[in-house]
Amino acid sequence: MADARRRRRAEATCLWCGRELGEQPTMGRRRQYCRQSCRQRAYENRTTMASAGLPEDAVLFTAGERQLLADKLFQVRCAAEDVATAVADGATGGELGALVDQLLATARDAEVLRD
């Protein structure tokens, strides 16, 4: 049980940009944002959504953000295809390990939606 709580604390991410928050306090309210600027952007987003009559959980992207997300997802797919090809070709464990590490790094980068 304590291990699960530690894992959840270590995996907490900023609600605005998706960055890892790092170690959370054991007492008191848990952090939701990595920086004050992320907290401010989230507030602005909530008030804009409310004034536009959009649902609170709606997600809006600029055209540039949408393209960046599409590019990151394409990179993840390519990395996954590299792993699948290596498995089909009978790659060694070391080669597969390197490809999986690259896939994980690419996926982690894709998790960060905003800078």
PDB file of N, CA and C in Angstrom:
ATOM      1  N   MET A   1       0.823  -1.189   0.000  1.00  0.00           N
ATOM      2  CA  MET A   1       0.000   0.000   0.000  1.00  0.00           C
ATOM      3  C   MET A   1       0.871   1.258   0.000  1.00  0.00           C
ATOM      4  N   ALA A   2       1.873   1.304   0.863  1.00  0.00           N
ATOM      5  CA  ALA A   2       2.761   2.460   0.919  1.00  0.00           C
ATOM      6  C   ALA A   2       3.549   2.597  -0.378  1.00  0.00           C
ATOM      7  N   ASP A   3       3.945   1.461  -0.979  1.00  0.00           N
ATOM      8  CA  ASP A   3       4.667   1.512  -2.249  1.00  0.00           C
ATOM      9  C   ASP A   3       3.798   2.105  -3.346  1.00  0.00           C
ATOM     10  N   ALA A   4       2.526   1.763  -3.366  1.00  0.00           N
ATOM     11  CA  ALA A   4       1.606   2.297  -4.375  1.00  0.00           C
ATOM     12  C   ALA A   4       1.453   3.806  -4.210  1.00  0.00           C
ATOM     13  N   ARG A   5       1.374   4.271  -2.958  1.00  0.00           N
ATOM     14  CA  ARG A   5       1.265   5.709  -2.719  1.00  0.00           C
ATOM     15  C   ARG A   5       2.520   6.432  -3.179  1.00  0.00           C
ATOM     16  N   ARG A   6       3.687   5.844  -2.898  1.00  0.00           N
ATOM     17  CA  ARG A   6       4.941   6.457  -3.329  1.00  0.00           C
ATOM     18  C   ARG A   6       5.001   6.537  -4.849  1.00  0.00           C
ATOM     19  N   ARG A   7       4.572   5.455  -5.508  1.00  0.00           N
ATOM     20  CA  ARG A   7       4.596   5.420  -6.961  1.00  0.00           C
ATOM     21  C   ARG A   7       3.671   6.496  -7.534  1.00  0.00           C
ATOM     22  N   ARG A   8       2.466   6.637  -6.940  1.00  0.00           N
ATOM     23  CA  ARG A   8       1.525   7.645  -7.411  1.00  0.00           C
ATOM     24  C   ARG A   8       2.097   9.043  -7.235  1.00  0.00           C
ATOM     25  N   ARG A   9       2.755   9.275  -6.098  1.00  0.00           N
ATOM     26  CA  ARG A   9       3.353  10.580  -5.857  1.00  0.00           C
ATOM     27  C   ARG A   9       4.461  10.864  -6.856  1.00  0.00           C
ATOM     28  N   ALA A  10       5.272   9.862  -7.153  1.00  0.00           N
ATOM     29  CA  ALA A  10       6.385  10.051  -8.072  1.00  0.00           C
ATOM     30  C   ALA A  10       5.900  10.238  -9.504  1.00  0.00           C
ATOM     31  N   GLU A  11       4.719   9.685  -9.845  1.00  0.00           N
ATOM     32  CA  GLU A  11       4.216   9.766 -11.204  1.00  0.00           C
ATOM     33  C   GLU A  11       3.281  10.949 -11.425  1.00  0.00           C
ATOM     34  N   ALA A  12       3.068  11.783 -10.419  1.00  0.00           N
ATOM     35  CA  ALA A  12       2.161  12.916 -10.564  1.00  0.00           C
ATOM     36  C   ALA A  12       2.705  13.878 -11.613  1.00  0.00           C
ATOM     37  N   THR A  13       1.796  14.378 -12.450  1.00  0.00           N
ATOM     38  CA  THR A  13       2.198  15.301 -13.504  1.00  0.00           C
ATOM     39  C   THR A  13       1.384  16.581 -13.410  1.00  0.00           C
ATOM     40  N   CYS A  14       1.939  17.641 -13.954  1.00  0.00           N
ATOM     41  CA  CYS A  14       1.293  18.946 -13.988  1.00  0.00           C
ATOM     42  C   CYS A  14       0.003  18.841 -14.801  1.00  0.00           C
ATOM     43  N   LEU A  15      -1.080  19.375 -14.266  1.00  0.00           N
ATOM     44  CA  LEU A  15      -2.366  19.309 -14.958  1.00  0.00           C
ATOM     45  C   LEU A  15      -2.396  20.159 -16.219  1.00  0.00           C
ATOM     46  N   TRP A  16      -1.479  21.120 -16.339  1.00  0.00           N
ATOM     47  CA  TRP A  16      -1.479  21.978 -17.515  1.00  0.00           C
ATOM     48  C   TRP A  16      -0.510  21.490 -18.588  1.00  0.00           C
ATOM     49  N   CYS A  17       0.747  21.277 -18.236  1.00  0.00           N
ATOM     50  CA  CYS A  17       1.753  20.968 -19.263  1.00  0.00           C
ATOM     51  C   CYS A  17       2.154  19.500 -19.304  1.00  0.00           C
ATOM     52  N   GLY A  18       1.852  18.744 -18.257  1.00  0.00           N
ATOM     53  CA  GLY A  18       2.169  17.322 -18.257  1.00  0.00           C
ATOM     54  C   GLY A  18       3.536  16.961 -17.716  1.00  0.00           C
ATOM     55  N   ARG A  19       4.322  17.951 -17.290  1.00  0.00           N
ATOM     56  CA  ARG A  19       5.637  17.643 -16.721  1.00  0.00           C
ATOM     57  C   ARG A  19       5.476  16.890 -15.405  1.00  0.00           C
ATOM     58  N   GLU A  20       6.474  16.069 -15.094  1.00  0.00           N
ATOM     59  CA  GLU A  20       6.452  15.368 -13.812  1.00  0.00           C
ATOM     60  C   GLU A  20       6.627  16.374 -12.683  1.00  0.00           C
ATOM     61  N   LEU A  21       5.877  16.175 -11.609  1.00  0.00           N
ATOM     62  CA  LEU A  21       5.945  17.085 -10.472  1.00  0.00           C
ATOM     63  C   LEU A  21       7.008  16.689  -9.466  1.00  0.00           C
ATOM     64  N   GLY A  22       7.523  15.499  -9.581  1.00  0.00           N
ATOM     65  CA  GLY A  22       8.527  15.058  -8.632  1.00  0.00           C
ATOM     66  C   GLY A  22       7.890  14.623  -7.327  1.00  0.00           C
ATOM     67  N   GLU A  23       8.665  14.635  -6.282  1.00  0.00           N
ATOM     68  CA  GLU A  23       8.198  14.169  -4.974  1.00  0.00           C
ATOM     69  C   GLU A  23       7.121  15.105  -4.441  1.00  0.00           C
ATOM     70  N   GLN A  24       6.018  14.524  -4.008  1.00  0.00           N
ATOM     71  CA  GLN A  24       4.899  15.284  -3.450  1.00  0.00           C
ATOM     72  C   GLN A  24       5.029  15.318  -1.929  1.00  0.00           C
ATOM     73  N   PRO A  25       4.487  16.357  -1.298  1.00  0.00           N
ATOM     74  CA  PRO A  25       4.527  16.404   0.167  1.00  0.00           C
ATOM     75  C   PRO A  25       3.693  15.277   0.759  1.00  0.00           C
ATOM     76  N   THR A  26       4.131  14.783   1.896  1.00  0.00           N
ATOM     77  CA  THR A  26       3.388  13.696   2.538  1.00  0.00           C
ATOM     78  C   THR A  26       2.186  14.225   3.307  1.00  0.00           C
ATOM     79  N   MET A  27       2.221  15.489   3.682  1.00  0.00           N
ATOM     80  CA  MET A  27       1.090  16.089   4.392  1.00  0.00           C
ATOM     81  C   MET A  27       0.622  17.304   3.612  1.00  0.00           C
ATOM     82  N   GLY A  28      -0.634  17.614   3.770  1.00  0.00           N
ATOM     83  CA  GLY A  28      -1.173  18.794   3.110  1.00  0.00           C
ATOM     84  C   GLY A  28      -1.639  18.501   1.694  1.00  0.00           C
ATOM     85  N   ARG A  29      -2.008  19.556   1.019  1.00  0.00           N
ATOM     86  CA  ARG A  29      -2.539  19.449  -0.334  1.00  0.00           C
ATOM     87  C   ARG A  29      -1.420  19.130  -1.324  1.00  0.00           C
ATOM     88  N   ARG A  30      -1.695  18.230  -2.235  1.00  0.00           N
ATOM     89  CA  ARG A  30      -0.702  17.859  -3.246  1.00  0.00           C
ATOM     90  C   ARG A  30      -0.647  18.913  -4.343  1.00  0.00           C
ATOM     91  N   ARG A  31       0.536  19.118  -4.879  1.00  0.00           N
ATOM     92  CA  ARG A  31       0.711  20.065  -5.978  1.00  0.00           C
ATOM     93  C   ARG A  31       0.003  19.548  -7.220  1.00  0.00           C
ATOM     94  N   GLN A  32      -0.584  20.456  -7.979  1.00  0.00           N
ATOM     95  CA  GLN A  32      -1.233  20.088  -9.226  1.00  0.00           C
ATOM     96  C   GLN A  32      -0.510  20.671 -10.431  1.00  0.00           C
ATOM     97  N   TYR A  33       0.295  21.699 -10.215  1.00  0.00           N
ATOM     98  CA  TYR A  33       0.981  22.391 -11.304  1.00  0.00           C
ATOM     99  C   TYR A  33       2.462  22.498 -10.978  1.00  0.00           C
ATOM    100  N   CYS A  34       3.284  22.457 -12.016  1.00  0.00           N
ATOM    101  CA  CYS A  34       4.731  22.497 -11.791  1.00  0.00           C
ATOM    102  C   CYS A  34       5.226  23.922 -11.532  1.00  0.00           C
ATOM    103  N   ARG A  35       4.548  24.908 -12.084  1.00  0.00           N
ATOM    104  CA  ARG A  35       4.970  26.303 -11.929  1.00  0.00           C
ATOM    105  C   ARG A  35       3.743  27.192 -11.773  1.00  0.00           C
ATOM    106  N   GLN A  36       3.968  28.387 -11.300  1.00  0.00           N
ATOM    107  CA  GLN A  36       2.884  29.360 -11.170  1.00  0.00           C
ATOM    108  C   GLN A  36       2.305  29.703 -12.541  1.00  0.00           C
ATOM    109  N   SER A  37       3.143  29.750 -13.570  1.00  0.00           N
ATOM    110  CA  SER A  37       2.641  30.078 -14.908  1.00  0.00           C
ATOM    111  C   SER A  37       1.675  29.008 -15.416  1.00  0.00           C
ATOM    112  N   CYS A  38       1.914  27.746 -15.081  1.00  0.00           N
ATOM    113  CA  CYS A  38       0.982  26.679 -15.470  1.00  0.00           C
ATOM    114  C   CYS A  38      -0.338  26.826 -14.725  1.00  0.00           C
ATOM    115  N   ARG A  39      -0.271  27.176 -13.454  1.00  0.00           N
ATOM    116  CA  ARG A  39      -1.492  27.406 -12.676  1.00  0.00           C
ATOM    117  C   ARG A  39      -2.296  28.552 -13.297  1.00  0.00           C
ATOM    118  N   GLN A  40      -1.594  29.619 -13.701  1.00  0.00           N
ATOM    119  CA  GLN A  40      -2.262  30.776 -14.303  1.00  0.00           C
ATOM    120  C   GLN A  40      -2.897  30.410 -15.643  1.00  0.00           C
ATOM    121  N   ARG A  41      -2.173  29.677 -16.499  1.00  0.00           N
ATOM    122  CA  ARG A  41      -2.728  29.261 -17.806  1.00  0.00           C
ATOM    123  C   ARG A  41      -3.963  28.388 -17.615  1.00  0.00           C
ATOM    124  N   ALA A  42      -3.931  27.507 -16.622  1.00  0.00           N
ATOM    125  CA  ALA A  42      -5.079  26.640 -16.357  1.00  0.00           C
ATOM    126  C   ALA A  42      -6.281  27.470 -15.906  1.00  0.00           C
ATOM    127  N   TYR A  43      -6.033  28.461 -15.056  1.00  0.00           N
ATOM    128  CA  TYR A  43      -7.113  29.343 -14.608  1.00  0.00           C
ATOM    129  C   TYR A  43      -7.707  30.097 -15.790  1.00  0.00           C
ATOM    130  N   GLU A  44      -6.839  30.664 -16.629  1.00  0.00           N
ATOM    131  CA  GLU A  44      -7.315  31.394 -17.804  1.00  0.00           C
ATOM    132  C   GLU A  44      -8.129  30.482 -18.716  1.00  0.00           C
ATOM    133  N   ASN A  45      -7.664  29.255 -18.877  1.00  0.00           N
ATOM    134  CA  ASN A  45      -8.372  28.299 -19.721  1.00  0.00           C
ATOM    135  C   ASN A  45      -9.760  27.987 -19.148  1.00  0.00           C
ATOM    136  N   ARG A  46      -9.825  27.767 -17.834  1.00  0.00           N
ATOM    137  CA  ARG A  46     -11.124  27.465 -17.206  1.00  0.00           C
ATOM    138  C   ARG A  46     -12.102  28.620 -17.370  1.00  0.00           C
ATOM    139  N   THR A  47     -11.638  29.844 -17.139  1.00  0.00           N
ATOM    140  CA  THR A  47     -12.545  30.990 -17.243  1.00  0.00           C
ATOM    141  C   THR A  47     -12.967  31.229 -18.688  1.00  0.00           C
ATOM    142  N   THR A  48     -12.080  31.020 -19.641  1.00  0.00           N
ATOM    143  CA  THR A  48     -12.431  31.156 -21.059  1.00  0.00           C
ATOM    144  C   THR A  48     -13.461  30.115 -21.457  1.00  0.00           C
ATOM    145  N   MET A  49     -13.261  28.885 -21.008  1.00  0.00           N
ATOM    146  CA  MET A  49     -14.204  27.809 -21.319  1.00  0.00           C
ATOM    147  C   MET A  49     -15.583  28.130 -20.741  1.00  0.00           C
ATOM    148  N   ALA A  50     -15.607  28.608 -19.504  1.00  0.00           N
ATOM    149  CA  ALA A  50     -16.886  28.912 -18.862  1.00  0.00           C
ATOM    150  C   ALA A  50     -17.603  30.043 -19.597  1.00  0.00           C
ATOM    151  N   SER A  51     -16.865  31.079 -19.998  1.00  0.00           N
ATOM    152  CA  SER A  51     -17.503  32.208 -20.680  1.00  0.00           C
ATOM    153  C   SER A  51     -17.958  31.830 -22.090  1.00  0.00           C
ATOM    154  N   ALA A  52     -17.321  30.836 -22.708  1.00  0.00           N
ATOM    155  CA  ALA A  52     -17.709  30.388 -24.050  1.00  0.00           C
ATOM    156  C   ALA A  52     -18.799  29.322 -24.000  1.00  0.00           C
ATOM    157  N   GLY A  53     -19.149  28.860 -22.806  1.00  0.00           N
ATOM    158  CA  GLY A  53     -20.180  27.843 -22.670  1.00  0.00           C
ATOM    159  C   GLY A  53     -19.713  26.448 -23.032  1.00  0.00           C
ATOM    160  N   LEU A  54     -18.400  26.225 -23.040  1.00  0.00           N
ATOM    161  CA  LEU A  54     -17.856  24.902 -23.349  1.00  0.00           C
ATOM    162  C   LEU A  54     -17.748  24.076 -22.075  1.00  0.00           C
ATOM    163  N   PRO A  55     -17.799  22.752 -22.191  1.00  0.00           N
ATOM    164  CA  PRO A  55     -17.629  21.908 -21.001  1.00  0.00           C
ATOM    165  C   PRO A  55     -16.264  22.146 -20.362  1.00  0.00           C
ATOM    166  N   GLU A  56     -16.205  22.005 -19.053  1.00  0.00           N
ATOM    167  CA  GLU A  56     -14.958  22.259 -18.327  1.00  0.00           C
ATOM    168  C   GLU A  56     -13.839  21.319 -18.750  1.00  0.00           C
ATOM    169  N   ASP A  57     -14.191  20.106 -19.173  1.00  0.00           N
ATOM    170  CA  ASP A  57     -13.159  19.144 -19.550  1.00  0.00           C
ATOM    171  C   ASP A  57     -12.826  19.176 -21.042  1.00  0.00           C
ATOM    172  N   ALA A  58     -13.341  20.163 -21.773  1.00  0.00           N
ATOM    173  CA  ALA A  58     -13.012  20.288 -23.194  1.00  0.00           C
ATOM    174  C   ALA A  58     -11.546  20.678 -23.338  1.00  0.00           C
ATOM    175  N   VAL A  59     -10.925  20.201 -24.399  1.00  0.00           N
ATOM    176  CA  VAL A  59      -9.519  20.501 -24.659  1.00  0.00           C
ATOM    177  C   VAL A  59      -9.427  21.243 -25.985  1.00  0.00           C
ATOM    178  N   LEU A  60      -8.814  22.403 -25.958  1.00  0.00           N
ATOM    179  CA  LEU A  60      -8.631  23.193 -27.168  1.00  0.00           C
ATOM    180  C   LEU A  60      -7.148  23.290 -27.476  1.00  0.00           C
ATOM    181  N   PHE A  61      -6.813  23.111 -28.738  1.00  0.00           N
ATOM    182  CA  PHE A  61      -5.436  23.248 -29.196  1.00  0.00           C
ATOM    183  C   PHE A  61      -5.386  24.300 -30.289  1.00  0.00           C
ATOM    184  N   THR A  62      -4.302  25.031 -30.337  1.00  0.00           N
ATOM    185  CA  THR A  62      -4.061  25.875 -31.497  1.00  0.00           C
ATOM    186  C   THR A  62      -3.651  24.953 -32.638  1.00  0.00           C
ATOM    187  N   ALA A  63      -3.634  25.485 -33.846  1.00  0.00           N
ATOM    188  CA  ALA A  63      -3.222  24.669 -34.992  1.00  0.00           C
ATOM    189  C   ALA A  63      -1.784  24.184 -34.805  1.00  0.00           C
ATOM    190  N   GLY A  64      -0.932  25.032 -34.253  1.00  0.00           N
ATOM    191  CA  GLY A  64       0.461  24.644 -34.013  1.00  0.00           C
ATOM    192  C   GLY A  64       0.589  23.542 -32.974  1.00  0.00           C
ATOM    193  N   GLU A  65      -0.185  23.648 -31.887  1.00  0.00           N
ATOM    194  CA  GLU A  65      -0.163  22.610 -30.852  1.00  0.00           C
ATOM    195  C   GLU A  65      -0.689  21.286 -31.391  1.00  0.00           C
ATOM    196  N   ARG A  66      -1.728  21.356 -32.221  1.00  0.00           N
ATOM    197  CA  ARG A  66      -2.278  20.147 -32.814  1.00  0.00           C
ATOM    198  C   ARG A  66      -1.250  19.479 -33.713  1.00  0.00           C
ATOM    199  N   GLN A  67      -0.530  20.274 -34.512  1.00  0.00           N
ATOM    200  CA  GLN A  67       0.490  19.714 -35.396  1.00  0.00           C
ATOM    201  C   GLN A  67       1.643  19.128 -34.591  1.00  0.00           C
ATOM    202  N   LEU A  68       2.044  19.801 -33.524  1.00  0.00           N
ATOM    203  CA  LEU A  68       3.111  19.289 -32.667  1.00  0.00           C
ATOM    204  C   LEU A  68       2.713  17.952 -32.051  1.00  0.00           C
ATOM    205  N   LEU A  69       1.478  17.842 -31.580  1.00  0.00           N
ATOM    206  CA  LEU A  69       0.999  16.584 -31.012  1.00  0.00           C
ATOM    207  C   LEU A  69       0.977  15.488 -32.073  1.00  0.00           C
ATOM    208  N   ALA A  70       0.509  15.816 -33.281  1.00  0.00           N
ATOM    209  CA  ALA A  70       0.492  14.828 -34.365  1.00  0.00           C
ATOM    210  C   ALA A  70       1.910  14.364 -34.691  1.00  0.00           C
ATOM    211  N   ASP A  71       2.866  15.286 -34.703  1.00  0.00           N
ATOM    212  CA  ASP A  71       4.263  14.926 -34.973  1.00  0.00           C
ATOM    213  C   ASP A  71       4.814  14.003 -33.887  1.00  0.00           C
ATOM    214  N   LYS A  72       4.511  14.316 -32.624  1.00  0.00           N
ATOM    215  CA  LYS A  72       4.993  13.478 -31.522  1.00  0.00           C
ATOM    216  C   LYS A  72       4.388  12.079 -31.588  1.00  0.00           C
ATOM    217  N   LEU A  73       3.097  11.995 -31.912  1.00  0.00           N
ATOM    218  CA  LEU A  73       2.453  10.685 -32.031  1.00  0.00           C
ATOM    219  C   LEU A  73       3.036   9.894 -33.199  1.00  0.00           C
ATOM    220  N   PHE A  74       3.374  10.567 -34.287  1.00  0.00           N
ATOM    221  CA  PHE A  74       4.010   9.899 -35.424  1.00  0.00           C
ATOM    222  C   PHE A  74       5.370   9.335 -35.010  1.00  0.00           C
ATOM    223  N   GLN A  75       6.129  10.095 -34.228  1.00  0.00           N
ATOM    224  CA  GLN A  75       7.428   9.619 -33.754  1.00  0.00           C
ATOM    225  C   GLN A  75       7.268   8.387 -32.867  1.00  0.00           C
ATOM    226  N   VAL A  76       6.242   8.371 -32.025  1.00  0.00           N
ATOM    227  CA  VAL A  76       5.988   7.199 -31.176  1.00  0.00           C
ATOM    228  C   VAL A  76       5.649   5.994 -32.040  1.00  0.00           C
ATOM    229  N   ARG A  77       4.795   6.190 -33.043  1.00  0.00           N
ATOM    230  CA  ARG A  77       4.425   5.081 -33.927  1.00  0.00           C
ATOM    231  C   ARG A  77       5.645   4.544 -34.662  1.00  0.00           C
ATOM    232  N   CYS A  78       6.501   5.427 -35.158  1.00  0.00           N
ATOM    233  CA  CYS A  78       7.715   4.987 -35.860  1.00  0.00           C
ATOM    234  C   CYS A  78       8.629   4.190 -34.930  1.00  0.00           C
ATOM    235  N   ALA A  79       8.780   4.657 -33.694  1.00  0.00           N
ATOM    236  CA  ALA A  79       9.623   3.941 -32.734  1.00  0.00           C
ATOM    237  C   ALA A  79       9.033   2.568 -32.421  1.00  0.00           C
ATOM    238  N   ALA A  80       7.704   2.485 -32.305  1.00  0.00           N
ATOM    239  CA  ALA A  80       7.057   1.193 -32.053  1.00  0.00           C
ATOM    240  C   ALA A  80       7.231   0.264 -33.250  1.00  0.00           C
ATOM    241  N   GLU A  81       7.138   0.804 -34.464  1.00  0.00           N
ATOM    242  CA  GLU A  81       7.354  -0.008 -35.666  1.00  0.00           C
ATOM    243  C   GLU A  81       8.790  -0.511 -35.734  1.00  0.00           C
ATOM    244  N   ASP A  82       9.748   0.303 -35.291  1.00  0.00           N
ATOM    245  CA  ASP A  82      11.147  -0.134 -35.251  1.00  0.00           C
ATOM    246  C   ASP A  82      11.301  -1.340 -34.330  1.00  0.00           C
ATOM    247  N   VAL A  83      10.632  -1.307 -33.180  1.00  0.00           N
ATOM    248  CA  VAL A  83      10.691  -2.437 -32.245  1.00  0.00           C
ATOM    249  C   VAL A  83      10.070  -3.670 -32.886  1.00  0.00           C
ATOM    250  N   ALA A  84       8.903  -3.514 -33.509  1.00  0.00           N
ATOM    251  CA  ALA A  84       8.226  -4.646 -34.144  1.00  0.00           C
ATOM    252  C   ALA A  84       9.079  -5.243 -35.259  1.00  0.00           C
ATOM    253  N   THR A  85       9.717  -4.406 -36.053  1.00  0.00           N
ATOM    254  CA  THR A  85      10.582  -4.885 -37.135  1.00  0.00           C
ATOM    255  C   THR A  85      11.779  -5.635 -36.571  1.00  0.00           C
ATOM    256  N   ALA A  86      12.367  -5.099 -35.505  1.00  0.00           N
ATOM    257  CA  ALA A  86      13.524  -5.748 -34.890  1.00  0.00           C
ATOM    258  C   ALA A  86      13.147  -7.116 -34.325  1.00  0.00           C
ATOM    259  N   VAL A  87      11.976  -7.222 -33.724  1.00  0.00           N
ATOM    260  CA  VAL A  87      11.515  -8.514 -33.195  1.00  0.00           C
ATOM    261  C   VAL A  87      11.335  -9.501 -34.344  1.00  0.00           C
ATOM    262  N   ALA A  88      10.703  -9.053 -35.427  1.00  0.00           N
ATOM    263  CA  ALA A  88      10.472  -9.928 -36.583  1.00  0.00           C
ATOM    264  C   ALA A  88      11.784 -10.367 -37.228  1.00  0.00           C
ATOM    265  N   ASP A  89      12.800  -9.510 -37.177  1.00  0.00           N
ATOM    266  CA  ASP A  89      14.100  -9.825 -37.774  1.00  0.00           C
ATOM    267  C   ASP A  89      14.996 -10.618 -36.834  1.00  0.00           C
ATOM    268  N   GLY A  90      14.535 -10.896 -35.614  1.00  0.00           N
ATOM    269  CA  GLY A  90      15.319 -11.680 -34.666  1.00  0.00           C
ATOM    270  C   GLY A  90      16.467 -10.910 -34.038  1.00  0.00           C
ATOM    271  N   ALA A  91      16.237  -9.654 -33.711  1.00  0.00           N
ATOM    272  CA  ALA A  91      17.280  -8.824 -33.105  1.00  0.00           C
ATOM    273  C   ALA A  91      17.680  -9.383 -31.739  1.00  0.00           C
ATOM    274  N   THR A  92      18.888  -9.048 -31.330  1.00  0.00           N
ATOM    275  CA  THR A  92      19.388  -9.502 -30.032  1.00  0.00           C
ATOM    276  C   THR A  92      18.705  -8.720 -28.906  1.00  0.00           C
ATOM    277  N   GLY A  93      18.854  -9.227 -27.698  1.00  0.00           N
ATOM    278  CA  GLY A  93      18.276  -8.565 -26.534  1.00  0.00           C
ATOM    279  C   GLY A  93      18.806  -7.156 -26.345  1.00  0.00           C
ATOM    280  N   GLY A  94      20.088  -6.965 -26.591  1.00  0.00           N
ATOM    281  CA  GLY A  94      20.684  -5.637 -26.451  1.00  0.00           C
ATOM    282  C   GLY A  94      20.122  -4.650 -27.456  1.00  0.00           C
ATOM    283  N   GLU A  95      19.948  -5.121 -28.692  1.00  0.00           N
ATOM    284  CA  GLU A  95      19.380  -4.255 -29.726  1.00  0.00           C
ATOM    285  C   GLU A  95      17.930  -3.897 -29.394  1.00  0.00           C
ATOM    286  N   LEU A  96      17.173  -4.902 -28.949  1.00  0.00           N
ATOM    287  CA  LEU A  96      15.783  -4.643 -28.573  1.00  0.00           C
ATOM    288  C   LEU A  96      15.703  -3.694 -27.382  1.00  0.00           C
ATOM    289  N   GLY A  97      16.598  -3.886 -26.416  1.00  0.00           N
ATOM    290  CA  GLY A  97      16.611  -3.003 -25.250  1.00  0.00           C
ATOM    291  C   GLY A  97      16.838  -1.555 -25.640  1.00  0.00           C
ATOM    292  N   ALA A  98      17.772  -1.331 -26.566  1.00  0.00           N
ATOM    293  CA  ALA A  98      18.050   0.035 -27.022  1.00  0.00           C
ATOM    294  C   ALA A  98      16.837   0.626 -27.740  1.00  0.00           C
ATOM    295  N   LEU A  99      16.174  -0.186 -28.564  1.00  0.00           N
ATOM    296  CA  LEU A  99      14.991   0.298 -29.284  1.00  0.00           C
ATOM    297  C   LEU A  99      13.831   0.592 -28.332  1.00  0.00           C
ATOM    298  N   VAL A 100      13.662  -0.254 -27.328  1.00  0.00           N
ATOM    299  CA  VAL A 100      12.598  -0.021 -26.345  1.00  0.00           C
ATOM    300  C   VAL A 100      12.900   1.236 -25.531  1.00  0.00           C
ATOM    301  N   ASP A 101      14.165   1.443 -25.174  1.00  0.00           N
ATOM    302  CA  ASP A 101      14.540   2.667 -24.458  1.00  0.00           C
ATOM    303  C   ASP A 101      14.201   3.902 -25.292  1.00  0.00           C
ATOM    304  N   GLN A 102      14.483   3.832 -26.603  1.00  0.00           N
ATOM    305  CA  GLN A 102      14.162   4.948 -27.500  1.00  0.00           C
ATOM    306  C   GLN A 102      12.647   5.158 -27.578  1.00  0.00           C
ATOM    307  N   LEU A 103      11.898   4.065 -27.646  1.00  0.00           N
ATOM    308  CA  LEU A 103      10.433   4.155 -27.680  1.00  0.00           C
ATOM    309  C   LEU A 103       9.908   4.821 -26.412  1.00  0.00           C
ATOM    310  N   LEU A 104      10.427   4.421 -25.255  1.00  0.00           N
ATOM    311  CA  LEU A 104       9.987   5.020 -23.990  1.00  0.00           C
ATOM    312  C   LEU A 104      10.323   6.505 -23.921  1.00  0.00           C
ATOM    313  N   ALA A 105      11.517   6.874 -24.369  1.00  0.00           N
ATOM    314  CA  ALA A 105      11.909   8.288 -24.356  1.00  0.00           C
ATOM    315  C   ALA A 105      10.998   9.108 -25.272  1.00  0.00           C
ATOM    316  N   THR A 106      10.675   8.559 -26.430  1.00  0.00           N
ATOM    317  CA  THR A 106       9.795   9.248 -27.373  1.00  0.00           C
ATOM    318  C   THR A 106       8.391   9.390 -26.796  1.00  0.00           C
ATOM    319  N   ALA A 107       7.899   8.335 -26.148  1.00  0.00           N
ATOM    320  CA  ALA A 107       6.565   8.385 -25.543  1.00  0.00           C
ATOM    321  C   ALA A 107       6.521   9.395 -24.397  1.00  0.00           C
ATOM    322  N   ARG A 108       7.576   9.451 -23.586  1.00  0.00           N
ATOM    323  CA  ARG A 108       7.612  10.430 -22.486  1.00  0.00           C
ATOM    324  C   ARG A 108       7.596  11.851 -23.028  1.00  0.00           C
ATOM    325  N   ASP A 109       8.327  12.078 -24.118  1.00  0.00           N
ATOM    326  CA  ASP A 109       8.335  13.401 -24.740  1.00  0.00           C
ATOM    327  C   ASP A 109       6.943  13.753 -25.259  1.00  0.00           C
ATOM    328  N   ALA A 110       6.238  12.773 -25.795  1.00  0.00           N
ATOM    329  CA  ALA A 110       4.892  13.020 -26.331  1.00  0.00           C
ATOM    330  C   ALA A 110       3.894  13.344 -25.228  1.00  0.00           C
ATOM    331  N   GLU A 111       4.162  12.913 -23.997  1.00  0.00           N
ATOM    332  CA  GLU A 111       3.252  13.196 -22.882  1.00  0.00           C
ATOM    333  C   GLU A 111       3.211  14.675 -22.527  1.00  0.00           C
ATOM    334  N   VAL A 112       4.279  15.392 -22.806  1.00  0.00           N
ATOM    335  CA  VAL A 112       4.332  16.818 -22.486  1.00  0.00           C
ATOM    336  C   VAL A 112       3.612  17.563 -23.607  1.00  0.00           C
ATOM    337  N   LEU A 113       2.413  18.041 -23.315  1.00  0.00           N
ATOM    338  CA  LEU A 113       1.596  18.663 -24.350  1.00  0.00           C
ATOM    339  C   LEU A 113       1.956  20.112 -24.601  1.00  0.00           C
ATOM    340  N   ARG A 114       2.328  20.807 -23.565  1.00  0.00           N
ATOM    341  CA  ARG A 114       2.652  22.229 -23.715  1.00  0.00           C
ATOM    342  C   ARG A 114       3.990  22.501 -23.055  1.00  0.00           C
ATOM    343  N   ASP A 115       4.706  23.470 -23.606  1.00  0.00           N
ATOM    344  CA  ASP A 115       5.995  23.856 -23.015  1.00  0.00           C
ATOM    345  C   ASP A 115       5.837  25.006 -22.069  1.00  0.00           C
TER     346      ASP A 115
END
